[in-house]
């Protein structure tokens, strides 16, 4: 995930600098939410298998039932990344990785 963030960071900062004068906070907020949603899906794809997903989520401090539900539906990356995974991979988690905020 650190590699993905490292490659993504210059693009996001460039978008923010170029379109920073635009007075569209809702668009920035929606784009920010979509970006984190996509990063959560990428993280699930990296973990691949249900056992790995369960183990990694527990290591990140997920509750037992959340980790189990996400692991059982391991091939539904996009759907899982919006609902339950949002409680584990929070905005603070991505801030710690260095993902810049757009809004």
PDB file of N, CA and C in Angstrom:
ATOM      1  N   UNK A   1       0.830  -1.193   0.000  1.00  0.00           N
ATOM      2  CA  UNK A   1       0.000   0.000   0.000  1.00  0.00           C
ATOM      3  C   UNK A   1       0.871   1.251   0.000  1.00  0.00           C
ATOM      4  N   UNK A   2       2.016   1.180   0.652  1.00  0.00           N
ATOM      5  CA  UNK A   2       2.905   2.345   0.691  1.00  0.00           C
ATOM      6  C   UNK A   2       3.373   2.727  -0.711  1.00  0.00           C
ATOM      7  N   UNK A   3       3.618   1.734  -1.560  1.00  0.00           N
ATOM      8  CA  UNK A   3       4.027   2.021  -2.939  1.00  0.00           C
ATOM      9  C   UNK A   3       2.915   2.704  -3.713  1.00  0.00           C
ATOM     10  N   UNK A   4       1.707   2.237  -3.548  1.00  0.00           N
ATOM     11  CA  UNK A   4       0.553   2.827  -4.233  1.00  0.00           C
ATOM     12  C   UNK A   4       0.394   4.283  -3.815  1.00  0.00           C
ATOM     13  N   UNK A   5       0.490   4.541  -2.522  1.00  0.00           N
ATOM     14  CA  UNK A   5       0.347   5.903  -2.010  1.00  0.00           C
ATOM     15  C   UNK A   5       1.484   6.780  -2.519  1.00  0.00           C
ATOM     16  N   UNK A   6       2.687   6.237  -2.555  1.00  0.00           N
ATOM     17  CA  UNK A   6       3.845   7.007  -3.016  1.00  0.00           C
ATOM     18  C   UNK A   6       3.680   7.417  -4.487  1.00  0.00           C
ATOM     19  N   UNK A   7       3.141   6.538  -5.311  1.00  0.00           N
ATOM     20  CA  UNK A   7       2.927   6.871  -6.724  1.00  0.00           C
ATOM     21  C   UNK A   7       1.722   7.790  -6.921  1.00  0.00           C
ATOM     22  N   UNK A   8       0.732   7.669  -6.064  1.00  0.00           N
ATOM     23  CA  UNK A   8      -0.493   8.452  -6.186  1.00  0.00           C
ATOM     24  C   UNK A   8      -0.332   9.881  -5.678  1.00  0.00           C
ATOM     25  N   UNK A   9       0.490  10.062  -4.676  1.00  0.00           N
ATOM     26  CA  UNK A   9       0.636  11.348  -4.002  1.00  0.00           C
ATOM     27  C   UNK A   9       0.923  12.522  -4.935  1.00  0.00           C
ATOM     28  N   UNK A  10       1.890  12.438  -5.867  1.00  0.00           N
ATOM     29  CA  UNK A  10       2.150  13.592  -6.750  1.00  0.00           C
ATOM     30  C   UNK A  10       0.946  13.974  -7.613  1.00  0.00           C
ATOM     31  N   UNK A  11       0.185  12.984  -8.057  1.00  0.00           N
ATOM     32  CA  UNK A  11      -0.989  13.268  -8.874  1.00  0.00           C
ATOM     33  C   UNK A  11      -2.056  14.012  -8.079  1.00  0.00           C
ATOM     34  N   UNK A  12      -2.312  13.525  -6.877  1.00  0.00           N
ATOM     35  CA  UNK A  12      -3.343  14.140  -6.042  1.00  0.00           C
ATOM     36  C   UNK A  12      -2.945  15.567  -5.673  1.00  0.00           C
ATOM     37  N   UNK A  13      -1.699  15.757  -5.312  1.00  0.00           N
ATOM     38  CA  UNK A  13      -1.240  17.104  -4.979  1.00  0.00           C
ATOM     39  C   UNK A  13      -1.294  18.021  -6.201  1.00  0.00           C
ATOM     40  N   UNK A  14      -1.012  17.477  -7.381  1.00  0.00           N
ATOM     41  CA  UNK A  14      -1.101  18.258  -8.606  1.00  0.00           C
ATOM     42  C   UNK A  14      -2.527  18.671  -8.920  1.00  0.00           C
ATOM     43  N   UNK A  15      -3.471  17.741  -8.767  1.00  0.00           N
ATOM     44  CA  UNK A  15      -4.885  18.068  -8.976  1.00  0.00           C
ATOM     45  C   UNK A  15      -5.321  19.157  -8.006  1.00  0.00           C
ATOM     46  N   UNK A  16      -4.900  18.995  -6.771  1.00  0.00           N
ATOM     47  CA  UNK A  16      -5.301  19.952  -5.741  1.00  0.00           C
ATOM     48  C   UNK A  16      -4.743  21.342  -6.042  1.00  0.00           C
ATOM     49  N   UNK A  17      -3.512  21.396  -6.502  1.00  0.00           N
ATOM     50  CA  UNK A  17      -2.901  22.684  -6.825  1.00  0.00           C
ATOM     51  C   UNK A  17      -3.546  23.314  -8.060  1.00  0.00           C
ATOM     52  N   UNK A  18      -3.807  22.515  -9.066  1.00  0.00           N
ATOM     53  CA  UNK A  18      -4.350  23.044 -10.321  1.00  0.00           C
ATOM     54  C   UNK A  18      -5.802  23.486 -10.178  1.00  0.00           C
ATOM     55  N   UNK A  19      -6.606  22.683  -9.514  1.00  0.00           N
ATOM     56  CA  UNK A  19      -8.029  22.978  -9.385  1.00  0.00           C
ATOM     57  C   UNK A  19      -8.375  23.598  -8.039  1.00  0.00           C
ATOM     58  N   UNK A  20      -7.381  24.044  -7.303  1.00  0.00           N
ATOM     59  CA  UNK A  20      -7.590  24.566  -5.955  1.00  0.00           C
ATOM     60  C   UNK A  20      -8.455  25.807  -5.882  1.00  0.00           C
ATOM     61  N   UNK A  21      -8.509  26.573  -6.941  1.00  0.00           N
ATOM     62  CA  UNK A  21      -9.287  27.807  -6.951  1.00  0.00           C
ATOM     63  C   UNK A  21     -10.780  27.548  -7.157  1.00  0.00           C
ATOM     64  N   UNK A  22     -11.115  26.354  -7.610  1.00  0.00           N
ATOM     65  CA  UNK A  22     -12.514  26.037  -7.866  1.00  0.00           C
ATOM     66  C   UNK A  22     -13.314  26.070  -6.573  1.00  0.00           C
ATOM     67  N   UNK A  23     -14.503  26.611  -6.671  1.00  0.00           N
ATOM     68  CA  UNK A  23     -15.360  26.722  -5.488  1.00  0.00           C
ATOM     69  C   UNK A  23     -16.405  25.613  -5.519  1.00  0.00           C
ATOM     70  N   UNK A  24     -15.923  24.399  -5.432  1.00  0.00           N
ATOM     71  CA  UNK A  24     -16.799  23.230  -5.469  1.00  0.00           C
ATOM     72  C   UNK A  24     -16.413  22.263  -4.358  1.00  0.00           C
ATOM     73  N   UNK A  25     -16.714  22.602  -3.115  1.00  0.00           N
ATOM     74  CA  UNK A  25     -16.307  21.728  -2.003  1.00  0.00           C
ATOM     75  C   UNK A  25     -16.961  20.350  -2.040  1.00  0.00           C
ATOM     76  N   UNK A  26     -18.188  20.269  -2.541  1.00  0.00           N
ATOM     77  CA  UNK A  26     -18.876  18.984  -2.601  1.00  0.00           C
ATOM     78  C   UNK A  26     -18.177  18.036  -3.565  1.00  0.00           C
ATOM     79  N   UNK A  27     -17.716  18.567  -4.693  1.00  0.00           N
ATOM     80  CA  UNK A  27     -17.010  17.743  -5.669  1.00  0.00           C
ATOM     81  C   UNK A  27     -15.703  17.227  -5.077  1.00  0.00           C
ATOM     82  N   UNK A  28     -14.987  18.095  -4.353  1.00  0.00           N
ATOM     83  CA  UNK A  28     -13.734  17.669  -3.718  1.00  0.00           C
ATOM     84  C   UNK A  28     -13.989  16.596  -2.667  1.00  0.00           C
ATOM     85  N   UNK A  29     -15.043  16.768  -1.896  1.00  0.00           N
ATOM     86  CA  UNK A  29     -15.380  15.805  -0.849  1.00  0.00           C
ATOM     87  C   UNK A  29     -15.731  14.447  -1.458  1.00  0.00           C
ATOM     88  N   UNK A  30     -16.532  14.456  -2.533  1.00  0.00           N
ATOM     89  CA  UNK A  30     -16.908  13.211  -3.192  1.00  0.00           C
ATOM     90  C   UNK A  30     -15.703  12.523  -3.823  1.00  0.00           C
ATOM     91  N   UNK A  31     -14.822  13.300  -4.422  1.00  0.00           N
ATOM     92  CA  UNK A  31     -13.612  12.723  -5.008  1.00  0.00           C
ATOM     93  C   UNK A  31     -12.702  12.138  -3.930  1.00  0.00           C
ATOM     94  N   UNK A  32     -12.627  12.814  -2.804  1.00  0.00           N
ATOM     95  CA  UNK A  32     -11.837  12.328  -1.674  1.00  0.00           C
ATOM     96  C   UNK A  32     -12.402  11.008  -1.147  1.00  0.00           C
ATOM     97  N   UNK A  33     -13.721  10.925  -1.031  1.00  0.00           N
ATOM     98  CA  UNK A  33     -14.361   9.689  -0.572  1.00  0.00           C
ATOM     99  C   UNK A  33     -14.132   8.554  -1.569  1.00  0.00           C
ATOM    100  N   UNK A  34     -14.257   8.866  -2.859  1.00  0.00           N
ATOM    101  CA  UNK A  34     -14.053   7.836  -3.877  1.00  0.00           C
ATOM    102  C   UNK A  34     -12.612   7.333  -3.861  1.00  0.00           C
ATOM    103  N   UNK A  35     -11.650   8.233  -3.683  1.00  0.00           N
ATOM    104  CA  UNK A  35     -10.242   7.859  -3.649  1.00  0.00           C
ATOM    105  C   UNK A  35      -9.963   6.890  -2.506  1.00  0.00           C
ATOM    106  N   UNK A  36     -10.464   7.168  -1.328  1.00  0.00           N
ATOM    107  CA  UNK A  36     -10.260   6.270  -0.189  1.00  0.00           C
ATOM    108  C   UNK A  36     -11.001   4.949  -0.386  1.00  0.00           C
ATOM    109  N   UNK A  37     -12.166   5.008  -0.998  1.00  0.00           N
ATOM    110  CA  UNK A  37     -12.914   3.794  -1.326  1.00  0.00           C
ATOM    111  C   UNK A  37     -12.077   2.912  -2.256  1.00  0.00           C
ATOM    112  N   UNK A  38     -11.482   3.500  -3.255  1.00  0.00           N
ATOM    113  CA  UNK A  38     -10.650   2.759  -4.208  1.00  0.00           C
ATOM    114  C   UNK A  38      -9.402   2.190  -3.521  1.00  0.00           C
ATOM    115  N   UNK A  39      -8.803   2.947  -2.632  1.00  0.00           N
ATOM    116  CA  UNK A  39      -7.621   2.454  -1.911  1.00  0.00           C
ATOM    117  C   UNK A  39      -7.969   1.279  -1.001  1.00  0.00           C
ATOM    118  N   UNK A  40      -9.156   1.314  -0.409  1.00  0.00           N
ATOM    119  CA  UNK A  40      -9.590   0.168   0.408  1.00  0.00           C
ATOM    120  C   UNK A  40      -9.768  -1.080  -0.453  1.00  0.00           C
ATOM    121  N   UNK A  41     -10.342  -0.911  -1.637  1.00  0.00           N
ATOM    122  CA  UNK A  41     -10.520  -2.046  -2.548  1.00  0.00           C
ATOM    123  C   UNK A  41      -9.163  -2.595  -2.990  1.00  0.00           C
ATOM    124  N   UNK A  42      -8.221  -1.722  -3.259  1.00  0.00           N
ATOM    125  CA  UNK A  42      -6.871  -2.163  -3.643  1.00  0.00           C
ATOM    126  C   UNK A  42      -6.226  -2.942  -2.502  1.00  0.00           C
ATOM    127  N   UNK A  43      -6.421  -2.469  -1.281  1.00  0.00           N
ATOM    128  CA  UNK A  43      -5.849  -3.177  -0.131  1.00  0.00           C
ATOM    129  C   UNK A  43      -6.430  -4.576  -0.014  1.00  0.00           C
ATOM    130  N   UNK A  44      -7.731  -4.724  -0.207  1.00  0.00           N
ATOM    131  CA  UNK A  44      -8.342  -6.060  -0.173  1.00  0.00           C
ATOM    132  C   UNK A  44      -7.781  -6.952  -1.270  1.00  0.00           C
ATOM    133  N   UNK A  45      -7.572  -6.393  -2.446  1.00  0.00           N
ATOM    134  CA  UNK A  45      -7.008  -7.175  -3.547  1.00  0.00           C
ATOM    135  C   UNK A  45      -5.586  -7.626  -3.225  1.00  0.00           C
ATOM    136  N   UNK A  46      -4.838  -6.793  -2.530  1.00  0.00           N
ATOM    137  CA  UNK A  46      -3.466  -7.168  -2.148  1.00  0.00           C
ATOM    138  C   UNK A  46      -3.456  -8.323  -1.164  1.00  0.00           C
ATOM    139  N   UNK A  47      -4.412  -8.344  -0.263  1.00  0.00           N
ATOM    140  CA  UNK A  47      -4.454  -9.415   0.734  1.00  0.00           C
ATOM    141  C   UNK A  47      -4.928 -10.730   0.137  1.00  0.00           C
ATOM    142  N   UNK A  48      -5.704 -10.687  -0.929  1.00  0.00           N
ATOM    143  CA  UNK A  48      -6.157 -11.825  -1.746  1.00  0.00           C
ATOM    144  C   UNK A  48      -7.029 -12.849  -1.045  1.00  0.00           C
ATOM    145  N   UNK A  49      -6.508 -13.606  -0.138  1.00  0.00           N
ATOM    146  CA  UNK A  49      -7.205 -14.766   0.419  1.00  0.00           C
ATOM    147  C   UNK A  49      -7.954 -14.418   1.707  1.00  0.00           C
ATOM    148  N   UNK A  50      -9.045 -15.145   1.964  1.00  0.00           N
ATOM    149  CA  UNK A  50      -9.840 -14.859   3.170  1.00  0.00           C
ATOM    150  C   UNK A  50      -9.050 -14.949   4.471  1.00  0.00           C
ATOM    151  N   UNK A  51      -8.163 -15.925   4.585  1.00  0.00           N
ATOM    152  CA  UNK A  51      -7.365 -16.039   5.819  1.00  0.00           C
ATOM    153  C   UNK A  51      -6.473 -14.820   6.019  1.00  0.00           C
ATOM    154  N   UNK A  52      -5.851 -14.370   4.935  1.00  0.00           N
ATOM    155  CA  UNK A  52      -4.981 -13.189   5.019  1.00  0.00           C
ATOM    156  C   UNK A  52      -5.797 -11.944   5.354  1.00  0.00           C
ATOM    157  N   UNK A  53      -6.962 -11.819   4.755  1.00  0.00           N
ATOM    158  CA  UNK A  53      -7.829 -10.669   5.038  1.00  0.00           C
ATOM    159  C   UNK A  53      -8.214 -10.664   6.509  1.00  0.00           C
ATOM    160  N   UNK A  54      -8.639 -11.813   7.008  1.00  0.00           N
ATOM    161  CA  UNK A  54      -9.033 -11.919   8.407  1.00  0.00           C
ATOM    162  C   UNK A  54      -7.864 -11.573   9.330  1.00  0.00           C
ATOM    163  N   UNK A  55      -6.709 -12.155   9.063  1.00  0.00           N
ATOM    164  CA  UNK A  55      -5.526 -11.923   9.895  1.00  0.00           C
ATOM    165  C   UNK A  55      -5.121 -10.443   9.901  1.00  0.00           C
ATOM    166  N   UNK A  56      -5.091  -9.823   8.726  1.00  0.00           N
ATOM    167  CA  UNK A  56      -4.664  -8.425   8.636  1.00  0.00           C
ATOM    168  C   UNK A  56      -5.669  -7.477   9.292  1.00  0.00           C
ATOM    169  N   UNK A  57      -6.946  -7.764   9.122  1.00  0.00           N
ATOM    170  CA  UNK A  57      -7.954  -6.911   9.757  1.00  0.00           C
ATOM    171  C   UNK A  57      -7.901  -7.018  11.269  1.00  0.00           C
ATOM    172  N   UNK A  58      -7.705  -8.228  11.772  1.00  0.00           N
ATOM    173  CA  UNK A  58      -7.567  -8.389  13.231  1.00  0.00           C
ATOM    174  C   UNK A  58      -6.329  -7.649  13.737  1.00  0.00           C
ATOM    175  N   UNK A  59      -5.250  -7.677  12.967  1.00  0.00           N
ATOM    176  CA  UNK A  59      -4.030  -6.967  13.356  1.00  0.00           C
ATOM    177  C   UNK A  59      -4.249  -5.455  13.364  1.00  0.00           C
ATOM    178  N   UNK A  60      -5.142  -4.977  12.522  1.00  0.00           N
ATOM    179  CA  UNK A  60      -5.447  -3.544  12.481  1.00  0.00           C
ATOM    180  C   UNK A  60      -6.471  -3.131  13.531  1.00  0.00           C
ATOM    181  N   UNK A  61      -6.984  -4.095  14.284  1.00  0.00           N
ATOM    182  CA  UNK A  61      -7.892  -3.783  15.374  1.00  0.00           C
ATOM    183  C   UNK A  61      -9.366  -3.916  15.042  1.00  0.00           C
ATOM    184  N   UNK A  62      -9.687  -4.664  14.011  1.00  0.00           N
ATOM    185  CA  UNK A  62     -11.091  -4.858  13.640  1.00  0.00           C
ATOM    186  C   UNK A  62     -11.777  -5.779  14.642  1.00  0.00           C
ATOM    187  N   UNK A  63     -13.068  -5.588  14.779  1.00  0.00           N
ATOM    188  CA  UNK A  63     -13.851  -6.490  15.626  1.00  0.00           C
ATOM    189  C   UNK A  63     -13.940  -7.856  14.954  1.00  0.00           C
ATOM    190  N   UNK A  64     -14.202  -8.857  15.762  1.00  0.00           N
ATOM    191  CA  UNK A  64     -14.270 -10.240  15.279  1.00  0.00           C
ATOM    192  C   UNK A  64     -15.284 -10.415  14.155  1.00  0.00           C
ATOM    193  N   UNK A  65     -16.491  -9.894  14.366  1.00  0.00           N
ATOM    194  CA  UNK A  65     -17.540 -10.090  13.355  1.00  0.00           C
ATOM    195  C   UNK A  65     -17.264  -9.312  12.072  1.00  0.00           C
ATOM    196  N   UNK A  66     -16.663  -8.133  12.162  1.00  0.00           N
ATOM    197  CA  UNK A  66     -16.328  -7.338  10.969  1.00  0.00           C
ATOM    198  C   UNK A  66     -15.276  -8.059  10.150  1.00  0.00           C
ATOM    199  N   UNK A  67     -14.217  -8.533  10.815  1.00  0.00           N
ATOM    200  CA  UNK A  67     -13.144  -9.236  10.109  1.00  0.00           C
ATOM    201  C   UNK A  67     -13.679 -10.505   9.442  1.00  0.00           C
ATOM    202  N   UNK A  68     -14.548 -11.209  10.125  1.00  0.00           N
ATOM    203  CA  UNK A  68     -15.102 -12.443   9.574  1.00  0.00           C
ATOM    204  C   UNK A  68     -15.992 -12.158   8.362  1.00  0.00           C
ATOM    205  N   UNK A  69     -16.858 -11.159   8.461  1.00  0.00           N
ATOM    206  CA  UNK A  69     -17.761 -10.838   7.352  1.00  0.00           C
ATOM    207  C   UNK A  69     -17.009 -10.376   6.115  1.00  0.00           C
ATOM    208  N   UNK A  70     -15.985  -9.578   6.298  1.00  0.00           N
ATOM    209  CA  UNK A  70     -15.199  -9.118   5.148  1.00  0.00           C
ATOM    210  C   UNK A  70     -14.442 -10.291   4.539  1.00  0.00           C
ATOM    211  N   UNK A  71     -13.882 -11.154   5.369  1.00  0.00           N
ATOM    212  CA  UNK A  71     -13.122 -12.300   4.865  1.00  0.00           C
ATOM    213  C   UNK A  71     -14.010 -13.291   4.119  1.00  0.00           C
ATOM    214  N   UNK A  72     -15.228 -13.492   4.601  1.00  0.00           N
ATOM    215  CA  UNK A  72     -16.144 -14.426   3.936  1.00  0.00           C
ATOM    216  C   UNK A  72     -16.508 -13.921   2.545  1.00  0.00           C
ATOM    217  N   UNK A  73     -16.696 -12.629   2.408  1.00  0.00           N
ATOM    218  CA  UNK A  73     -17.017 -12.029   1.114  1.00  0.00           C
ATOM    219  C   UNK A  73     -15.761 -11.466   0.468  1.00  0.00           C
ATOM    220  N   UNK A  74     -14.702 -12.241   0.448  1.00  0.00           N
ATOM    221  CA  UNK A  74     -13.398 -11.725   0.040  1.00  0.00           C
ATOM    222  C   UNK A  74     -13.325 -11.298  -1.420  1.00  0.00           C
ATOM    223  N   UNK A  75     -14.172 -11.809  -2.282  1.00  0.00           N
ATOM    224  CA  UNK A  75     -14.113 -11.444  -3.694  1.00  0.00           C
ATOM    225  C   UNK A  75     -14.985 -10.247  -4.055  1.00  0.00           C
ATOM    226  N   UNK A  76     -15.664  -9.695  -3.089  1.00  0.00           N
ATOM    227  CA  UNK A  76     -16.505  -8.521  -3.325  1.00  0.00           C
ATOM    228  C   UNK A  76     -15.760  -7.280  -2.839  1.00  0.00           C
ATOM    229  N   UNK A  77     -14.665  -6.974  -3.521  1.00  0.00           N
ATOM    230  CA  UNK A  77     -13.767  -5.914  -3.072  1.00  0.00           C
ATOM    231  C   UNK A  77     -14.455  -4.560  -2.994  1.00  0.00           C
ATOM    232  N   UNK A  78     -15.147  -4.197  -4.052  1.00  0.00           N
ATOM    233  CA  UNK A  78     -15.741  -2.860  -4.096  1.00  0.00           C
ATOM    234  C   UNK A  78     -16.839  -2.707  -3.044  1.00  0.00           C
ATOM    235  N   UNK A  79     -17.669  -3.706  -2.908  1.00  0.00           N
ATOM    236  CA  UNK A  79     -18.757  -3.629  -1.930  1.00  0.00           C
ATOM    237  C   UNK A  79     -18.222  -3.622  -0.492  1.00  0.00           C
ATOM    238  N   UNK A  80     -17.271  -4.487  -0.198  1.00  0.00           N
ATOM    239  CA  UNK A  80     -16.692  -4.536   1.147  1.00  0.00           C
ATOM    240  C   UNK A  80     -15.946  -3.254   1.494  1.00  0.00           C
ATOM    241  N   UNK A  81     -15.311  -2.655   0.507  1.00  0.00           N
ATOM    242  CA  UNK A  81     -14.507  -1.472   0.788  1.00  0.00           C
ATOM    243  C   UNK A  81     -15.362  -0.260   1.131  1.00  0.00           C
ATOM    244  N   UNK A  82     -16.626  -0.303   0.809  1.00  0.00           N
ATOM    245  CA  UNK A  82     -17.500   0.830   1.144  1.00  0.00           C
ATOM    246  C   UNK A  82     -18.167   0.655   2.507  1.00  0.00           C
ATOM    247  N   UNK A  83     -18.493  -0.537   2.881  1.00  0.00           N
ATOM    248  CA  UNK A  83     -19.312  -0.739   4.081  1.00  0.00           C
ATOM    249  C   UNK A  83     -18.485  -1.031   5.324  1.00  0.00           C
ATOM    250  N   UNK A  84     -18.189  -2.269   5.560  1.00  0.00           N
ATOM    251  CA  UNK A  84     -17.557  -2.673   6.816  1.00  0.00           C
ATOM    252  C   UNK A  84     -16.103  -2.247   6.918  1.00  0.00           C
ATOM    253  N   UNK A  85     -15.412  -2.263   5.818  1.00  0.00           N
ATOM    254  CA  UNK A  85     -13.980  -1.943   5.851  1.00  0.00           C
ATOM    255  C   UNK A  85     -13.737  -0.486   6.218  1.00  0.00           C
ATOM    256  N   UNK A  86     -14.746   0.336   6.022  1.00  0.00           N
ATOM    257  CA  UNK A  86     -14.642   1.762   6.350  1.00  0.00           C
ATOM    258  C   UNK A  86     -14.411   1.982   7.836  1.00  0.00           C
ATOM    259  N   UNK A  87     -14.851   1.022   8.668  1.00  0.00           N
ATOM    260  CA  UNK A  87     -14.674   1.166  10.110  1.00  0.00           C
ATOM    261  C   UNK A  87     -13.259   0.808  10.553  1.00  0.00           C
ATOM    262  N   UNK A  88     -12.534   0.069   9.713  1.00  0.00           N
ATOM    263  CA  UNK A  88     -11.172  -0.343  10.071  1.00  0.00           C
ATOM    264  C   UNK A  88     -10.139   0.543   9.382  1.00  0.00           C
ATOM    265  N   UNK A  89     -10.252   0.657   8.066  1.00  0.00           N
ATOM    266  CA  UNK A  89      -9.336   1.508   7.298  1.00  0.00           C
ATOM    267  C   UNK A  89      -9.955   2.899   7.197  1.00  0.00           C
ATOM    268  N   UNK A  90      -9.777   3.662   8.246  1.00  0.00           N
ATOM    269  CA  UNK A  90     -10.410   4.970   8.376  1.00  0.00           C
ATOM    270  C   UNK A  90      -9.587   6.048   7.684  1.00  0.00           C
ATOM    271  N   UNK A  91     -10.094   7.256   7.734  1.00  0.00           N
ATOM    272  CA  UNK A  91      -9.371   8.399   7.166  1.00  0.00           C
ATOM    273  C   UNK A  91      -8.051   8.590   7.908  1.00  0.00           C
ATOM    274  N   UNK A  92      -8.053   8.359   9.199  1.00  0.00           N
ATOM    275  CA  UNK A  92      -6.824   8.487   9.995  1.00  0.00           C
ATOM    276  C   UNK A  92      -5.766   7.476   9.536  1.00  0.00           C
ATOM    277  N   UNK A  93      -6.204   6.284   9.158  1.00  0.00           N
ATOM    278  CA  UNK A  93      -5.278   5.267   8.653  1.00  0.00           C
ATOM    279  C   UNK A  93      -4.590   5.768   7.385  1.00  0.00           C
ATOM    280  N   UNK A  94      -5.372   6.356   6.477  1.00  0.00           N
ATOM    281  CA  UNK A  94      -4.797   6.851   5.229  1.00  0.00           C
ATOM    282  C   UNK A  94      -3.959   8.104   5.451  1.00  0.00           C
ATOM    283  N   UNK A  95      -4.327   8.912   6.427  1.00  0.00           N
ATOM    284  CA  UNK A  95      -3.493  10.055   6.785  1.00  0.00           C
ATOM    285  C   UNK A  95      -2.132   9.591   7.265  1.00  0.00           C
ATOM    286  N   UNK A  96      -2.121   8.509   8.020  1.00  0.00           N
ATOM    287  CA  UNK A  96      -0.862   7.936   8.499  1.00  0.00           C
ATOM    288  C   UNK A  96       0.016   7.407   7.367  1.00  0.00           C
ATOM    289  N   UNK A  97      -0.628   6.941   6.289  1.00  0.00           N
ATOM    290  CA  UNK A  97       0.135   6.474   5.129  1.00  0.00           C
ATOM    291  C   UNK A  97       0.643   7.628   4.280  1.00  0.00           C
ATOM    292  N   UNK A  98       0.072   8.808   4.457  1.00  0.00           N
ATOM    293  CA  UNK A  98       0.512   9.968   3.694  1.00  0.00           C
ATOM    294  C   UNK A  98      -0.355  10.323   2.511  1.00  0.00           C
ATOM    295  N   UNK A  99      -1.588   9.831   2.488  1.00  0.00           N
ATOM    296  CA  UNK A  99      -2.506  10.194   1.412  1.00  0.00           C
ATOM    297  C   UNK A  99      -3.020  11.606   1.679  1.00  0.00           C
ATOM    298  N   UNK A 100      -2.788  12.543   0.742  1.00  0.00           N
ATOM    299  CA  UNK A 100      -3.258  13.911   0.981  1.00  0.00           C
ATOM    300  C   UNK A 100      -4.771  14.017   0.878  1.00  0.00           C
ATOM    301  N   UNK A 101      -5.332  14.901   1.651  1.00  0.00           N
ATOM    302  CA  UNK A 101      -6.775  15.147   1.605  1.00  0.00           C
ATOM    303  C   UNK A 101      -7.064  16.201   0.544  1.00  0.00           C
ATOM    304  N   UNK A 102      -8.153  16.003  -0.175  1.00  0.00           N
ATOM    305  CA  UNK A 102      -8.556  16.966  -1.182  1.00  0.00           C
ATOM    306  C   UNK A 102      -9.514  18.002  -0.621  1.00  0.00           C
ATOM    307  N   UNK A 103     -10.306  17.603   0.358  1.00  0.00           N
ATOM    308  CA  UNK A 103     -11.287  18.536   0.907  1.00  0.00           C
ATOM    309  C   UNK A 103     -10.860  19.066   2.259  1.00  0.00           C
TER     310      UNK A 103
END
